Amino acid sequence: MTQGRIDKTIDKMRRGGLPAPTRDRPAFESGNGRQCAGCNETITQIERMAVVVVYGIALYRFHEDCYTAWATFER
């Protein structure tokens, strides 16, 4: 399932559905049932969630693997 999530996140980046990655460091916490900004799947309580504020105004939540795919994406 992880590879599918990564592929969805990369596809979303290619289509311009997410902002360019920033150097801001994420906070990691337990999932809370919210939707991942990358793959659009639910982040469950047993999964690790990366929370990052982009450009000081937008809050994005990612599965840990989706965050890595987003943060290392190169256009």
N, C-alpha and C. Protein backbone atom coordinates (compact mmCIF):
# COMPACT_ATOMS: atom_id res chain seq x y z
N MET A 1 0.82 -1.21 0.00
CA MET A 1 0.00 0.00 0.00
C MET A 1 0.86 1.26 0.00
N THR A 2 2.02 1.18 0.64
CA THR A 2 2.88 2.36 0.73
C THR A 2 3.28 2.87 -0.66
N GLN A 3 3.67 1.97 -1.55
CA GLN A 3 4.08 2.40 -2.89
C GLN A 3 2.92 3.07 -3.62
N GLY A 4 1.72 2.56 -3.44
CA GLY A 4 0.56 3.18 -4.06
C GLY A 4 0.34 4.60 -3.56
N ARG A 5 0.55 4.79 -2.28
CA ARG A 5 0.41 6.14 -1.70
C ARG A 5 1.47 7.08 -2.25
N ILE A 6 2.69 6.57 -2.34
CA ILE A 6 3.78 7.38 -2.88
C ILE A 6 3.49 7.76 -4.32
N ASP A 7 3.03 6.80 -5.11
CA ASP A 7 2.71 7.07 -6.51
C ASP A 7 1.61 8.13 -6.63
N LYS A 8 0.60 8.05 -5.77
CA LYS A 8 -0.48 9.04 -5.79
C LYS A 8 0.05 10.43 -5.45
N THR A 9 0.95 10.49 -4.47
CA THR A 9 1.52 11.77 -4.06
C THR A 9 2.36 12.37 -5.18
N ILE A 10 3.18 11.57 -5.81
CA ILE A 10 4.02 12.05 -6.92
C ILE A 10 3.14 12.51 -8.08
N ASP A 11 2.11 11.74 -8.38
CA ASP A 11 1.19 12.13 -9.46
C ASP A 11 0.52 13.46 -9.14
N LYS A 12 0.13 13.64 -7.90
CA LYS A 12 -0.51 14.90 -7.50
C LYS A 12 0.47 16.06 -7.65
N MET A 13 1.74 15.83 -7.31
CA MET A 13 2.76 16.87 -7.47
C MET A 13 2.94 17.22 -8.95
N ARG A 14 2.99 16.22 -9.78
CA ARG A 14 3.17 16.45 -11.22
C ARG A 14 2.02 17.25 -11.82
N ARG A 15 0.82 17.05 -11.29
CA ARG A 15 -0.35 17.76 -11.79
C ARG A 15 -0.50 19.15 -11.16
N GLY A 16 0.38 19.50 -10.23
CA GLY A 16 0.32 20.80 -9.59
C GLY A 16 -0.67 20.88 -8.45
N GLY A 17 -1.05 19.73 -7.91
CA GLY A 17 -2.04 19.70 -6.83
C GLY A 17 -1.50 19.98 -5.44
N LEU A 18 -0.19 20.11 -5.33
CA LEU A 18 0.44 20.44 -4.05
C LEU A 18 1.48 21.53 -4.29
N PRO A 19 1.73 22.36 -3.28
CA PRO A 19 2.77 23.38 -3.44
C PRO A 19 4.15 22.74 -3.50
N ALA A 20 5.10 23.46 -4.00
CA ALA A 20 6.48 22.98 -4.01
C ALA A 20 6.94 22.73 -2.58
N PRO A 21 7.77 21.72 -2.38
CA PRO A 21 8.27 21.43 -1.04
C PRO A 21 9.03 22.62 -0.47
N THR A 22 8.99 22.74 0.83
CA THR A 22 9.73 23.80 1.52
C THR A 22 10.78 23.16 2.41
N ARG A 23 11.60 23.97 2.98
CA ARG A 23 12.62 23.47 3.90
C ARG A 23 12.10 23.43 5.35
N ASP A 24 10.85 23.81 5.54
CA ASP A 24 10.26 23.78 6.87
C ASP A 24 10.24 22.35 7.41
N ARG A 25 10.59 22.21 8.66
CA ARG A 25 10.60 20.88 9.27
C ARG A 25 9.21 20.51 9.75
N PRO A 26 8.85 19.27 9.50
CA PRO A 26 7.52 18.84 9.94
C PRO A 26 7.54 18.43 11.40
N ALA A 27 6.37 18.42 12.00
CA ALA A 27 6.18 17.83 13.31
C ALA A 27 5.60 16.45 13.04
N PHE A 28 6.08 15.44 13.74
CA PHE A 28 5.55 14.09 13.56
C PHE A 28 4.72 13.72 14.77
N GLU A 29 3.57 13.14 14.51
CA GLU A 29 2.67 12.72 15.57
C GLU A 29 1.83 11.55 15.08
N SER A 30 1.03 11.01 15.95
CA SER A 30 0.14 9.91 15.57
C SER A 30 -0.96 10.45 14.67
N GLY A 31 -1.38 9.62 13.72
CA GLY A 31 -2.47 10.01 12.84
C GLY A 31 -3.72 10.31 13.64
N ASN A 32 -4.62 11.08 13.04
CA ASN A 32 -5.83 11.49 13.76
C ASN A 32 -7.09 11.32 12.92
N GLY A 33 -7.00 10.49 11.88
CA GLY A 33 -8.17 10.25 11.05
C GLY A 33 -8.38 11.27 9.96
N ARG A 34 -7.47 12.22 9.84
CA ARG A 34 -7.57 13.23 8.78
C ARG A 34 -7.04 12.67 7.47
N GLN A 35 -7.30 13.37 6.41
CA GLN A 35 -6.89 12.95 5.08
C GLN A 35 -5.47 13.42 4.78
N CYS A 36 -4.70 12.55 4.13
CA CYS A 36 -3.33 12.89 3.71
C CYS A 36 -3.40 13.85 2.53
N ALA A 37 -2.60 14.90 2.59
CA ALA A 37 -2.56 15.89 1.50
C ALA A 37 -1.96 15.29 0.23
N GLY A 38 -1.18 14.24 0.38
CA GLY A 38 -0.54 13.64 -0.78
C GLY A 38 -1.39 12.62 -1.49
N CYS A 39 -1.79 11.58 -0.78
CA CYS A 39 -2.50 10.46 -1.41
C CYS A 39 -4.01 10.52 -1.22
N ASN A 40 -4.47 11.41 -0.37
CA ASN A 40 -5.90 11.59 -0.06
C ASN A 40 -6.51 10.44 0.73
N GLU A 41 -5.69 9.56 1.27
CA GLU A 41 -6.20 8.48 2.12
C GLU A 41 -6.16 8.93 3.58
N THR A 42 -6.96 8.26 4.39
CA THR A 42 -7.02 8.57 5.82
C THR A 42 -5.73 8.18 6.52
N ILE A 43 -5.29 9.02 7.43
CA ILE A 43 -4.11 8.72 8.25
C ILE A 43 -4.64 8.19 9.59
N THR A 44 -4.52 6.91 9.81
CA THR A 44 -5.09 6.29 11.00
C THR A 44 -4.22 6.54 12.23
N GLN A 45 -4.78 6.25 13.39
CA GLN A 45 -4.07 6.48 14.65
C GLN A 45 -2.83 5.63 14.81
N ILE A 46 -2.75 4.51 14.11
CA ILE A 46 -1.57 3.66 14.24
C ILE A 46 -0.46 4.06 13.26
N GLU A 47 -0.74 5.06 12.43
CA GLU A 47 0.26 5.53 11.47
C GLU A 47 0.89 6.83 11.95
N ARG A 48 2.10 7.06 11.51
CA ARG A 48 2.81 8.29 11.83
C ARG A 48 2.43 9.36 10.81
N MET A 49 2.15 10.56 11.29
CA MET A 49 1.71 11.66 10.45
C MET A 49 2.70 12.82 10.54
N ALA A 50 3.06 13.35 9.37
CA ALA A 50 3.91 14.55 9.31
C ALA A 50 2.99 15.75 9.12
N VAL A 51 3.18 16.75 9.95
CA VAL A 51 2.40 17.99 9.85
C VAL A 51 3.38 19.10 9.52
N VAL A 52 3.11 19.80 8.42
CA VAL A 52 4.02 20.85 7.99
C VAL A 52 3.21 22.09 7.61
N VAL A 53 3.72 23.24 8.03
CA VAL A 53 3.12 24.52 7.66
C VAL A 53 3.92 25.05 6.47
N VAL A 54 3.22 25.30 5.38
CA VAL A 54 3.87 25.75 4.15
C VAL A 54 3.69 27.26 3.99
N TYR A 55 4.81 27.94 3.84
CA TYR A 55 4.82 29.40 3.67
C TYR A 55 4.13 30.13 4.82
N GLY A 56 4.09 29.51 5.98
CA GLY A 56 3.53 30.14 7.16
C GLY A 56 2.02 30.30 7.16
N ILE A 57 1.33 29.73 6.16
CA ILE A 57 -0.11 29.94 6.11
C ILE A 57 -0.94 28.68 5.91
N ALA A 58 -0.39 27.67 5.27
CA ALA A 58 -1.18 26.48 4.96
C ALA A 58 -0.65 25.28 5.73
N LEU A 59 -1.54 24.53 6.34
CA LEU A 59 -1.18 23.35 7.11
C LEU A 59 -1.47 22.11 6.27
N TYR A 60 -0.45 21.27 6.12
CA TYR A 60 -0.59 20.03 5.36
C TYR A 60 -0.26 18.85 6.25
N ARG A 61 -1.04 17.79 6.10
CA ARG A 61 -0.81 16.54 6.84
C ARG A 61 -0.51 15.44 5.83
N PHE A 62 0.53 14.66 6.11
CA PHE A 62 0.96 13.59 5.22
C PHE A 62 1.23 12.31 6.00
N HIS A 63 1.01 11.15 5.34
CA HIS A 63 1.61 9.93 5.86
C HIS A 63 3.11 10.16 5.83
N GLU A 64 3.85 9.47 6.65
CA GLU A 64 5.30 9.67 6.68
C GLU A 64 5.93 9.44 5.30
N ASP A 65 5.53 8.37 4.61
CA ASP A 65 6.09 8.08 3.28
C ASP A 65 5.65 9.12 2.25
N CYS A 66 4.42 9.59 2.34
CA CYS A 66 3.93 10.61 1.42
C CYS A 66 4.69 11.92 1.64
N TYR A 67 4.98 12.23 2.90
CA TYR A 67 5.76 13.43 3.19
C TYR A 67 7.13 13.34 2.54
N THR A 68 7.79 12.19 2.68
CA THR A 68 9.12 12.01 2.09
C THR A 68 9.06 12.17 0.58
N ALA A 69 8.04 11.60 -0.05
CA ALA A 69 7.87 11.74 -1.51
C ALA A 69 7.68 13.21 -1.88
N TRP A 70 6.87 13.93 -1.11
CA TRP A 70 6.63 15.36 -1.37
C TRP A 70 7.90 16.17 -1.16
N ALA A 71 8.58 15.93 -0.03
CA ALA A 71 9.75 16.74 0.35
C ALA A 71 10.93 16.54 -0.60
N THR A 72 11.00 15.39 -1.26
CA THR A 72 12.14 15.10 -2.14
C THR A 72 11.78 15.22 -3.62
N PHE A 73 10.55 15.64 -3.91
CA PHE A 73 10.10 15.73 -5.29
C PHE A 73 10.85 16.82 -6.04
N GLU A 74 11.28 16.50 -7.25
CA GLU A 74 11.94 17.48 -8.11
C GLU A 74 11.17 17.60 -9.41
N ARG A 75 10.84 18.80 -9.77
CA ARG A 75 10.07 19.03 -11.00
C ARG A 75 10.94 18.90 -12.22
